[in-house]
Amino acid sequence: MPRITFIEHDGTEHTVDADTGATVMEAALRNGISSIVAECGGGCTCATCLVHVDDAWSAAVGPPSAEEEEMLDSAFEVKPTSRLSCQIKVTESLDGLVVRTPSYQGR
């Protein structure tokens, strides 16, 4: 089972087990990561599950789709490594993934 580390804006770290095939957002919600809001439940329509993928994992996670890019345009604290966690599928190759959450999730 892949493990994902969420680092909140205040430095608090949470390492959780994630089900293969789930999304990073689903892993966060199942494990009580409160800095992932996920208002739309994973529909790529709200940008409230934004994460900053650690530089070392950026290539493994891959780039956002055009639809995701559009949502990122309306998000806060966007960086070059920003992704919507609802759009990142958990695979065995993402075991050890590190993502950071912004100080605010909103539109």
N, C-alpha and C. Protein backbone atom coordinates (compact mmCIF):
# COMPACT_ATOMS: atom_id res chain seq x y z
N MET A 1 0.85 -1.18 0.00
CA MET A 1 0.00 0.00 0.00
C MET A 1 0.90 1.24 0.00
N PRO A 2 0.73 2.12 -0.99
CA PRO A 2 1.57 3.32 -1.05
C PRO A 2 1.33 4.24 0.14
N ARG A 3 2.38 4.93 0.54
CA ARG A 3 2.29 5.90 1.63
C ARG A 3 2.51 7.29 1.06
N ILE A 4 1.72 8.23 1.55
CA ILE A 4 1.81 9.62 1.12
C ILE A 4 2.02 10.48 2.35
N THR A 5 2.92 11.44 2.24
CA THR A 5 3.14 12.38 3.33
C THR A 5 2.56 13.73 2.94
N PHE A 6 1.66 14.22 3.77
CA PHE A 6 1.08 15.55 3.62
C PHE A 6 1.78 16.46 4.62
N ILE A 7 2.31 17.56 4.15
CA ILE A 7 2.93 18.55 5.03
C ILE A 7 2.07 19.80 4.98
N GLU A 8 1.48 20.14 6.11
CA GLU A 8 0.62 21.32 6.18
C GLU A 8 1.47 22.58 6.20
N HIS A 9 0.82 23.72 5.94
CA HIS A 9 1.54 24.98 5.85
C HIS A 9 2.31 25.33 7.12
N ASP A 10 1.88 24.79 8.27
CA ASP A 10 2.58 25.07 9.53
C ASP A 10 3.70 24.06 9.82
N GLY A 11 3.92 23.14 8.88
CA GLY A 11 4.99 22.16 9.03
C GLY A 11 4.55 20.82 9.60
N THR A 12 3.30 20.71 10.05
CA THR A 12 2.78 19.46 10.58
C THR A 12 2.76 18.41 9.48
N GLU A 13 3.33 17.24 9.77
CA GLU A 13 3.39 16.16 8.79
C GLU A 13 2.45 15.02 9.16
N HIS A 14 1.80 14.48 8.13
CA HIS A 14 0.93 13.31 8.29
C HIS A 14 1.32 12.32 7.20
N THR A 15 1.77 11.15 7.57
CA THR A 15 2.05 10.10 6.59
C THR A 15 0.94 9.08 6.70
N VAL A 16 0.29 8.83 5.55
CA VAL A 16 -0.89 7.97 5.55
C VAL A 16 -0.75 6.86 4.51
N ASP A 17 -1.48 5.79 4.72
CA ASP A 17 -1.59 4.73 3.73
C ASP A 17 -2.66 5.13 2.74
N ALA A 18 -2.40 4.88 1.46
CA ALA A 18 -3.36 5.22 0.41
C ALA A 18 -3.67 3.98 -0.41
N ASP A 19 -4.91 3.81 -0.76
CA ASP A 19 -5.32 2.69 -1.60
C ASP A 19 -4.90 2.94 -3.04
N THR A 20 -4.30 1.95 -3.66
CA THR A 20 -3.97 2.04 -5.08
C THR A 20 -5.27 2.21 -5.86
N GLY A 21 -5.27 3.15 -6.78
CA GLY A 21 -6.45 3.44 -7.57
C GLY A 21 -7.28 4.58 -7.04
N ALA A 22 -7.10 4.92 -5.77
CA ALA A 22 -7.79 6.07 -5.19
C ALA A 22 -7.07 7.33 -5.65
N THR A 23 -7.57 8.47 -5.26
CA THR A 23 -6.86 9.71 -5.55
C THR A 23 -6.16 10.18 -4.27
N VAL A 24 -5.22 11.08 -4.44
CA VAL A 24 -4.53 11.66 -3.29
C VAL A 24 -5.55 12.38 -2.41
N MET A 25 -6.53 13.02 -3.01
CA MET A 25 -7.59 13.69 -2.24
C MET A 25 -8.36 12.68 -1.39
N GLU A 26 -8.73 11.55 -1.98
CA GLU A 26 -9.47 10.54 -1.22
C GLU A 26 -8.64 10.01 -0.06
N ALA A 27 -7.35 9.83 -0.27
CA ALA A 27 -6.47 9.38 0.82
C ALA A 27 -6.44 10.42 1.94
N ALA A 28 -6.42 11.68 1.57
CA ALA A 28 -6.42 12.75 2.57
C ALA A 28 -7.71 12.74 3.38
N LEU A 29 -8.84 12.68 2.69
CA LEU A 29 -10.12 12.70 3.38
C LEU A 29 -10.31 11.48 4.28
N ARG A 30 -9.92 10.31 3.80
CA ARG A 30 -10.06 9.07 4.60
C ARG A 30 -9.20 9.09 5.86
N ASN A 31 -8.15 9.91 5.81
CA ASN A 31 -7.22 9.94 6.94
C ASN A 31 -7.28 11.24 7.73
N GLY A 32 -8.32 12.01 7.53
CA GLY A 32 -8.54 13.20 8.36
C GLY A 32 -7.58 14.35 8.14
N ILE A 33 -7.06 14.50 6.94
CA ILE A 33 -6.16 15.62 6.65
C ILE A 33 -7.06 16.85 6.45
N SER A 34 -7.15 17.68 7.46
CA SER A 34 -8.12 18.78 7.46
C SER A 34 -7.75 19.91 6.50
N SER A 35 -6.53 19.97 6.04
CA SER A 35 -6.13 21.04 5.13
C SER A 35 -6.53 20.76 3.68
N ILE A 36 -7.16 19.61 3.43
CA ILE A 36 -7.76 19.30 2.13
C ILE A 36 -9.28 19.44 2.30
N VAL A 37 -9.85 20.46 1.67
CA VAL A 37 -11.27 20.75 1.84
C VAL A 37 -12.13 19.90 0.91
N ALA A 38 -11.80 19.89 -0.37
CA ALA A 38 -12.49 19.06 -1.37
C ALA A 38 -14.00 19.31 -1.43
N GLU A 39 -14.37 20.57 -1.60
CA GLU A 39 -15.79 20.94 -1.64
C GLU A 39 -16.58 20.18 -2.70
N CYS A 40 -15.99 19.93 -3.87
CA CYS A 40 -16.74 19.29 -4.96
C CYS A 40 -16.64 17.77 -4.92
N GLY A 41 -15.91 17.23 -3.96
CA GLY A 41 -15.82 15.79 -3.82
C GLY A 41 -14.98 15.09 -4.87
N GLY A 42 -14.17 15.84 -5.58
CA GLY A 42 -13.28 15.22 -6.56
C GLY A 42 -13.70 15.42 -8.01
N GLY A 43 -14.58 16.36 -8.26
CA GLY A 43 -15.07 16.59 -9.62
C GLY A 43 -14.25 17.56 -10.45
N CYS A 44 -13.14 18.02 -9.92
CA CYS A 44 -12.27 18.98 -10.62
C CYS A 44 -13.05 20.26 -10.95
N THR A 45 -13.87 20.71 -9.98
CA THR A 45 -14.65 21.92 -10.22
C THR A 45 -14.51 22.97 -9.13
N CYS A 46 -13.60 22.77 -8.17
CA CYS A 46 -13.54 23.77 -7.10
C CYS A 46 -12.13 24.21 -6.70
N ALA A 47 -11.13 23.44 -6.94
CA ALA A 47 -9.73 23.77 -6.58
C ALA A 47 -9.50 23.88 -5.08
N THR A 48 -10.33 23.21 -4.26
CA THR A 48 -10.12 23.27 -2.81
C THR A 48 -9.39 22.04 -2.28
N CYS A 49 -8.72 21.33 -3.18
CA CYS A 49 -7.88 20.20 -2.76
C CYS A 49 -6.46 20.38 -3.30
N LEU A 50 -6.10 21.64 -3.51
CA LEU A 50 -4.79 21.97 -4.07
C LEU A 50 -3.66 21.47 -3.19
N VAL A 51 -2.65 20.92 -3.82
CA VAL A 51 -1.41 20.55 -3.13
C VAL A 51 -0.23 21.02 -3.98
N HIS A 52 0.90 21.17 -3.32
CA HIS A 52 2.15 21.46 -4.00
C HIS A 52 2.97 20.18 -3.94
N VAL A 53 3.19 19.58 -5.09
CA VAL A 53 3.93 18.33 -5.16
C VAL A 53 5.40 18.63 -4.92
N ASP A 54 6.03 17.85 -4.05
CA ASP A 54 7.46 17.99 -3.80
C ASP A 54 8.22 17.88 -5.12
N ASP A 55 9.22 18.73 -5.30
CA ASP A 55 9.99 18.76 -6.55
C ASP A 55 10.48 17.38 -6.98
N ALA A 56 10.90 16.56 -6.02
CA ALA A 56 11.42 15.23 -6.34
C ALA A 56 10.34 14.32 -6.94
N TRP A 57 9.08 14.65 -6.74
CA TRP A 57 7.97 13.81 -7.21
C TRP A 57 7.23 14.40 -8.40
N SER A 58 7.60 15.57 -8.82
CA SER A 58 6.88 16.27 -9.89
C SER A 58 6.79 15.45 -11.17
N ALA A 59 7.89 14.86 -11.61
CA ALA A 59 7.89 14.07 -12.85
C ALA A 59 7.03 12.82 -12.70
N ALA A 60 7.10 12.17 -11.55
CA ALA A 60 6.33 10.94 -11.33
C ALA A 60 4.83 11.22 -11.33
N VAL A 61 4.43 12.34 -10.80
CA VAL A 61 3.01 12.70 -10.74
C VAL A 61 2.53 13.15 -12.12
N GLY A 62 3.39 13.84 -12.84
CA GLY A 62 3.03 14.30 -14.17
C GLY A 62 2.36 15.66 -14.16
N PRO A 63 2.13 16.20 -15.35
CA PRO A 63 1.54 17.54 -15.45
C PRO A 63 0.01 17.49 -15.34
N PRO A 64 -0.59 18.63 -15.04
CA PRO A 64 -2.05 18.69 -14.98
C PRO A 64 -2.66 18.64 -16.38
N SER A 65 -3.90 18.18 -16.45
CA SER A 65 -4.65 18.20 -17.71
C SER A 65 -5.09 19.64 -17.99
N ALA A 66 -5.61 19.88 -19.17
CA ALA A 66 -6.11 21.21 -19.53
C ALA A 66 -7.24 21.63 -18.59
N GLU A 67 -8.14 20.69 -18.26
CA GLU A 67 -9.24 20.98 -17.35
C GLU A 67 -8.71 21.37 -15.96
N GLU A 68 -7.71 20.63 -15.50
CA GLU A 68 -7.13 20.93 -14.19
C GLU A 68 -6.42 22.28 -14.22
N GLU A 69 -5.70 22.57 -15.29
CA GLU A 69 -5.02 23.87 -15.44
C GLU A 69 -6.02 25.01 -15.31
N GLU A 70 -7.18 24.84 -15.91
CA GLU A 70 -8.22 25.87 -15.84
C GLU A 70 -8.64 26.12 -14.40
N MET A 71 -8.80 25.05 -13.63
CA MET A 71 -9.17 25.19 -12.22
C MET A 71 -8.03 25.80 -11.40
N LEU A 72 -6.81 25.44 -11.73
CA LEU A 72 -5.67 26.01 -11.01
C LEU A 72 -5.59 27.53 -11.21
N ASP A 73 -6.07 28.01 -12.35
CA ASP A 73 -6.07 29.45 -12.61
C ASP A 73 -6.92 30.21 -11.61
N SER A 74 -7.88 29.55 -10.97
CA SER A 74 -8.74 30.22 -10.00
C SER A 74 -8.37 29.91 -8.55
N ALA A 75 -7.30 29.17 -8.35
CA ALA A 75 -6.89 28.76 -7.00
C ALA A 75 -5.96 29.78 -6.36
N PHE A 76 -5.79 29.65 -5.05
CA PHE A 76 -4.87 30.49 -4.29
C PHE A 76 -3.55 29.77 -4.12
N GLU A 77 -2.47 30.54 -3.96
CA GLU A 77 -1.13 30.01 -3.67
C GLU A 77 -0.64 29.00 -4.70
N VAL A 78 -0.93 29.24 -5.96
CA VAL A 78 -0.51 28.33 -7.03
C VAL A 78 0.99 28.50 -7.29
N LYS A 79 1.66 27.38 -7.46
CA LYS A 79 3.09 27.32 -7.76
C LYS A 79 3.28 26.42 -8.98
N PRO A 80 4.47 26.40 -9.55
CA PRO A 80 4.70 25.53 -10.72
C PRO A 80 4.42 24.05 -10.45
N THR A 81 4.53 23.62 -9.21
CA THR A 81 4.30 22.21 -8.88
C THR A 81 2.91 21.95 -8.31
N SER A 82 2.02 22.93 -8.43
CA SER A 82 0.66 22.78 -7.90
C SER A 82 -0.14 21.79 -8.72
N ARG A 83 -0.92 20.99 -8.02
CA ARG A 83 -1.85 20.04 -8.65
C ARG A 83 -3.10 19.99 -7.78
N LEU A 84 -4.19 19.56 -8.37
CA LEU A 84 -5.39 19.26 -7.59
C LEU A 84 -5.27 17.81 -7.17
N SER A 85 -5.35 17.57 -5.88
CA SER A 85 -5.13 16.21 -5.39
C SER A 85 -6.22 15.24 -5.86
N CYS A 86 -7.36 15.76 -6.29
CA CYS A 86 -8.41 14.88 -6.82
C CYS A 86 -8.05 14.34 -8.20
N GLN A 87 -7.03 14.89 -8.82
CA GLN A 87 -6.64 14.49 -10.16
C GLN A 87 -5.38 13.62 -10.17
N ILE A 88 -4.84 13.32 -9.01
CA ILE A 88 -3.64 12.47 -8.91
C ILE A 88 -4.06 11.08 -8.45
N LYS A 89 -3.97 10.12 -9.33
CA LYS A 89 -4.31 8.73 -9.00
C LYS A 89 -3.13 8.08 -8.27
N VAL A 90 -3.43 7.39 -7.20
CA VAL A 90 -2.42 6.71 -6.42
C VAL A 90 -2.03 5.41 -7.13
N THR A 91 -0.73 5.25 -7.35
CA THR A 91 -0.18 4.03 -7.91
C THR A 91 0.96 3.57 -7.01
N GLU A 92 1.39 2.34 -7.19
CA GLU A 92 2.53 1.84 -6.41
C GLU A 92 3.77 2.70 -6.62
N SER A 93 3.90 3.29 -7.82
CA SER A 93 5.08 4.10 -8.11
C SER A 93 5.08 5.43 -7.35
N LEU A 94 3.96 5.77 -6.72
CA LEU A 94 3.90 6.99 -5.92
C LEU A 94 4.12 6.73 -4.43
N ASP A 95 4.54 5.51 -4.08
CA ASP A 95 4.85 5.19 -2.69
C ASP A 95 5.96 6.13 -2.21
N GLY A 96 5.67 6.92 -1.17
CA GLY A 96 6.62 7.88 -0.64
C GLY A 96 6.34 9.30 -1.08
N LEU A 97 5.31 9.51 -1.89
CA LEU A 97 4.95 10.83 -2.39
C LEU A 97 4.85 11.83 -1.24
N VAL A 98 5.38 13.03 -1.49
CA VAL A 98 5.30 14.11 -0.52
C VAL A 98 4.60 15.29 -1.18
N VAL A 99 3.55 15.78 -0.52
CA VAL A 99 2.83 16.96 -0.99
C VAL A 99 2.67 17.93 0.16
N ARG A 100 2.61 19.21 -0.19
CA ARG A 100 2.41 20.26 0.81
C ARG A 100 1.06 20.92 0.55
N THR A 101 0.38 21.29 1.62
CA THR A 101 -0.90 21.96 1.47
C THR A 101 -0.72 23.46 1.72
N PRO A 102 -1.48 24.28 1.01
CA PRO A 102 -1.38 25.73 1.21
C PRO A 102 -2.05 26.15 2.52
N SER A 103 -1.85 27.40 2.87
CA SER A 103 -2.45 27.91 4.10
C SER A 103 -3.94 28.16 3.95
N TYR A 104 -4.42 28.25 2.70
CA TYR A 104 -5.83 28.51 2.45
C TYR A 104 -6.30 27.73 1.24
N GLN A 105 -7.44 27.07 1.36
CA GLN A 105 -8.07 26.37 0.23
C GLN A 105 -9.35 27.10 -0.08
N GLY A 106 -9.42 27.74 -1.18
CA GLY A 106 -10.63 28.46 -1.54
C GLY A 106 -10.60 28.91 -2.97
N ARG A 107 -11.67 29.58 -3.35
CA ARG A 107 -11.76 30.08 -4.72
C ARG A 107 -11.95 31.56 -4.71
